Protein backbone atom coordinates (compact mmCIF):
# COMPACT_ATOMS: atom_id res chain seq x y z
CA MET A 1 25.21 19.90 5.37
CA ALA A 2 21.90 19.35 3.95
CA SER A 3 19.11 18.32 6.76
CA PRO A 4 18.42 14.70 6.93
CA ALA A 5 14.64 15.52 6.14
CA LEU A 6 15.55 16.41 2.82
CA ASN A 7 17.70 13.80 1.46
CA ILE A 8 17.02 11.72 -1.64
CA PRO A 9 15.36 8.74 0.13
CA ASN A 10 13.12 11.15 2.01
CA LEU A 11 12.14 13.21 -1.30
CA LEU A 12 11.18 9.98 -2.89
CA THR A 13 8.98 8.99 0.14
CA TYR A 14 7.36 12.70 0.14
CA GLY A 15 6.70 11.87 -3.61
CA ARG A 16 4.81 9.04 -2.82
CA ILE A 17 2.72 10.83 -0.53
CA LEU A 18 1.87 13.36 -2.91
CA ALA A 19 1.01 10.90 -5.33
CA VAL A 20 -2.28 9.86 -3.13
CA PRO A 21 -4.10 13.40 -3.67
CA LEU A 22 -3.16 13.09 -7.39
CA ILE A 23 -4.78 9.53 -7.95
CA VAL A 24 -7.82 10.76 -6.10
CA LEU A 25 -8.14 13.65 -8.33
CA CYS A 26 -8.01 11.12 -11.53
CA PHE A 27 -11.05 9.35 -9.66
CA PHE A 28 -12.88 12.63 -9.73
CA ALA A 29 -11.87 14.06 -13.33
CA GLU A 30 -15.47 14.42 -14.42
CA GLY A 31 -16.47 15.59 -11.07
CA SER A 32 -18.05 12.20 -9.99
CA LEU A 33 -16.27 8.89 -9.18
CA HIS A 34 -16.50 7.93 -12.91
CA MET A 35 -13.08 7.77 -14.53
CA THR A 36 -12.34 8.36 -18.29
CA ASP A 37 -9.86 5.75 -19.93
CA VAL A 38 -7.45 8.63 -19.80
CA ALA A 39 -7.70 9.23 -16.10
CA ARG A 40 -7.38 5.60 -15.46
CA TRP A 41 -3.98 5.41 -17.12
CA THR A 42 -3.01 8.62 -15.47
CA ALA A 43 -3.89 7.11 -12.09
CA LEU A 44 -1.99 3.79 -13.24
CA GLY A 45 0.95 5.94 -14.30
CA LEU A 46 0.94 7.98 -10.76
CA PHE A 47 0.61 4.65 -9.07
CA ILE A 48 3.64 2.99 -10.75
CA ALA A 49 5.65 5.82 -9.99
CA ALA A 50 4.73 5.84 -6.44
CA SER A 51 5.40 2.12 -6.02
CA VAL A 52 8.62 2.57 -7.80
CA THR A 53 9.97 5.13 -4.97
CA ASP A 54 8.78 2.69 -2.60
CA PHE A 55 11.70 0.23 -3.30
CA PHE A 56 14.16 3.04 -4.13
CA ASP A 57 13.63 5.18 -0.71
CA GLY A 58 14.73 2.06 1.35
CA TYR A 59 17.40 1.06 -0.91
CA LEU A 60 19.14 4.22 -1.38
CA ALA A 61 18.67 5.46 2.42
CA ARG A 62 20.54 2.04 3.05
CA ILE A 63 23.46 2.04 0.47
CA TRP A 64 23.92 5.81 0.92
CA ASN A 65 23.96 5.19 4.87
CA GLN A 66 21.11 8.14 4.71
CA THR A 67 18.59 6.46 6.86
CA SER A 68 16.63 8.85 9.23
CA ASN A 69 13.78 8.86 12.03
CA ILE A 70 11.39 10.70 9.48
CA GLY A 71 12.16 8.31 6.56
CA ARG A 72 11.50 5.24 9.06
CA MET A 73 8.24 6.71 10.20
CA LEU A 74 7.12 8.12 6.85
CA ASP A 75 7.80 5.29 4.36
CA PRO A 76 5.11 2.69 6.15
CA ILE A 77 2.75 5.74 6.60
CA ALA A 78 3.17 6.61 2.66
CA ASP A 79 2.66 2.71 1.72
CA LYS A 80 -0.57 2.48 3.67
CA LEU A 81 -1.97 5.53 2.53
CA LEU A 82 -1.27 4.46 -1.01
CA VAL A 83 -2.94 1.34 -0.61
CA ALA A 84 -5.98 2.25 1.20
CA THR A 85 -6.78 5.05 -0.53
CA CYS A 86 -6.93 3.07 -4.03
CA LEU A 87 -8.72 0.19 -2.26
CA LEU A 88 -11.41 2.76 -1.10
CA LEU A 89 -11.67 4.35 -4.27
CA LEU A 90 -11.93 1.43 -6.75
CA ALA A 91 -14.68 0.37 -4.39
CA ALA A 92 -16.57 3.39 -4.46
CA ASP A 93 -16.16 4.14 -8.34
CA THR A 94 -19.16 4.18 -10.51
CA GLU A 95 -17.88 0.97 -12.61
CA LYS A 96 -17.81 -0.90 -9.10
CA THR A 97 -14.14 -2.03 -9.98
CA ILE A 98 -13.89 -3.92 -6.47
CA ALA A 99 -17.41 -5.05 -5.86
CA GLY A 100 -19.30 -7.99 -4.17
CA TRP A 101 -17.01 -10.95 -2.52
CA SER A 102 -13.96 -8.97 -3.66
CA LEU A 103 -14.78 -6.43 -1.24
CA TRP A 104 -13.82 -8.75 1.52
CA ALA A 105 -10.32 -8.91 0.00
CA ALA A 106 -10.27 -5.19 0.44
CA ILE A 107 -11.52 -5.31 4.01
CA ILE A 108 -9.27 -8.07 5.16
CA ILE A 109 -6.06 -5.66 3.68
CA LEU A 110 -7.23 -2.60 5.28
CA CYS A 111 -8.06 -4.40 8.61
CA ARG A 112 -4.67 -5.85 8.96
CA GLU A 113 -2.93 -2.54 8.12
CA ILE A 114 -4.31 -1.04 10.88
CA LEU A 115 -4.43 -3.57 13.15
CA VAL A 116 -0.45 -4.38 12.58
CA SER A 117 0.36 -0.62 12.66
CA GLY A 118 -1.51 -0.35 16.25
CA LEU A 119 0.50 -3.63 17.13
CA ARG A 120 4.00 -1.88 16.11
CA GLU A 121 3.09 1.31 17.59
CA TYR A 122 2.60 -0.48 20.75
CA LEU A 123 5.54 -2.50 20.43
CA ALA A 124 7.91 0.50 19.74
CA GLU A 125 6.68 1.90 23.25
CA LEU A 126 8.24 -1.32 24.63
CA LYS A 127 11.50 -1.03 22.52
CA VAL A 128 10.74 -4.38 21.14
CA SER A 129 11.28 -4.41 17.00
CA VAL A 130 9.31 -6.66 14.45
CA PRO A 131 11.23 -7.02 11.52
CA VAL A 132 9.70 -7.04 8.26
CA THR A 133 9.82 -10.85 6.66
CA ARG A 134 10.34 -11.97 3.09
CA ILE A 135 6.82 -13.18 2.89
CA ALA A 136 5.45 -9.83 3.88
CA LYS A 137 7.61 -8.27 1.24
CA TRP A 138 6.02 -10.75 -1.16
CA LYS A 139 2.55 -9.63 0.02
CA THR A 140 3.37 -6.10 -0.40
CA THR A 141 4.39 -6.85 -4.15
CA VAL A 142 1.45 -8.58 -4.81
CA GLN A 143 -0.44 -6.10 -3.50
CA MET A 144 1.04 -3.26 -5.79
CA ILE A 145 0.61 -5.63 -8.77
CA ALA A 146 -3.30 -6.23 -7.99
CA LEU A 147 -3.85 -2.53 -7.61
CA GLY A 148 -2.08 -1.78 -10.79
CA PHE A 149 -4.28 -3.94 -12.84
CA LEU A 150 -7.46 -2.97 -11.12
CA LEU A 151 -6.76 0.91 -11.66
CA ALA A 152 -6.27 0.19 -15.10
CA GLY A 153 -9.53 -1.84 -15.02
CA PRO A 154 -12.12 -1.70 -17.98
CA ALA A 155 -9.53 0.59 -19.95
CA GLY A 156 -7.21 -2.23 -19.53
CA ASP A 157 -9.99 -4.54 -20.88
CA LYS A 158 -10.04 -3.22 -23.89
CA TYR A 159 -6.66 -4.39 -24.67
CA PHE A 160 -6.63 -7.56 -22.29
CA ALA A 161 -9.56 -8.96 -21.68
CA TYR A 162 -8.82 -10.36 -18.38
CA THR A 163 -7.03 -7.02 -16.85
CA THR A 164 -9.64 -6.76 -14.11
CA ASP A 165 -10.18 -10.47 -13.25
CA LEU A 166 -6.54 -11.09 -12.91
CA GLY A 167 -6.31 -7.65 -10.49
CA ILE A 168 -9.36 -9.45 -8.42
CA ALA A 169 -7.34 -12.55 -8.40
CA LEU A 170 -4.27 -11.24 -7.28
CA LEU A 171 -6.19 -9.01 -4.67
CA TRP A 172 -7.53 -12.30 -3.38
CA LEU A 173 -3.68 -13.72 -3.03
CA ALA A 174 -2.96 -10.72 -1.48
CA ALA A 175 -5.49 -10.74 0.90
CA LEU A 176 -4.57 -14.42 1.87
CA LEU A 177 -0.90 -13.28 2.28
CA THR A 178 -2.10 -10.57 4.54
CA VAL A 179 -3.86 -12.83 6.82
CA TYR A 180 -0.76 -15.12 6.94
CA THR A 181 1.80 -12.25 7.61
CA GLY A 182 -0.69 -10.60 10.20
CA TYR A 183 -0.95 -13.80 11.96
CA ASP A 184 3.08 -13.97 12.14
CA TYR A 185 3.30 -10.33 13.45
CA PHE A 186 0.78 -11.35 15.88
CA ARG A 187 2.42 -14.16 17.26
CA ALA A 188 5.34 -12.45 17.37
CA GLY A 189 4.09 -9.41 19.33
CA LEU A 190 1.64 -11.51 21.67
CA LYS A 191 4.14 -12.56 23.90
CA HIS A 192 4.99 -9.17 24.77
CA VAL A 193 1.19 -8.34 25.22
CA VAL A 194 0.47 -10.98 27.16
CA GLY A 195 3.52 -11.06 29.31
CA ASP A 196 3.15 -7.21 30.29
CA GLU A 197 -0.18 -8.48 31.64
CA VAL A 198 0.83 -11.41 33.76
C-alpha cells in the first residue's frame, strides 16, 4: 500500500508549496522586482492553480478517507507561505502594487497569521483543538481573490481599469475579516492560556 505521505491530497499540498518559489521567479523575471505583463499573468496562473489545490487537498482527503498527520501539518503552512510570499513581493515590487496605507492591510494579515499559528501550536501542546470557523474560510477566500487581482495588477488594468483598485479594496476587506477571526481564535484560546497561569 502506498505511503500516506504520497497520497493525492498530500501531493496537491506539495504542489502548492512548490508554486511559491515559481511565483517568486516571476517577480524576478528581469533580474529585479520589476514584472512584465507576461510574468504577472504567469504568476497569476500559478497562484490560481495553487489556490485551487487548497480546496481539493482537504476535500479529497476527507471523501477518500486519506487524512494524514503530514497533511494536517503542511496544509496550513502551505497556505501561509503562499499568502505571505505574495503580500511581501507585491509590497516590494517596483510598481508598488501594495503601497501607502494599503501596507497596513498586508501587515494586519501577516501579523494575524503569525499570532494564530503561535496560539494553535501552544494549544496543540495542551491537546486543545480550535476548529476553523465558516467566517475564517470566507476570510481565506476573500484574501485569495484579492491577491489574484493584485497579481494581475497593472497588466490587468489594461483590460479592466479597476483591477488593482478592486484588489486593494478586497485586501482591506480581508484584513477586517482577519481581525475579526483573529479575535475569535484568541477568545477561544485565551481561557486555556489564562487558566494555565492561575
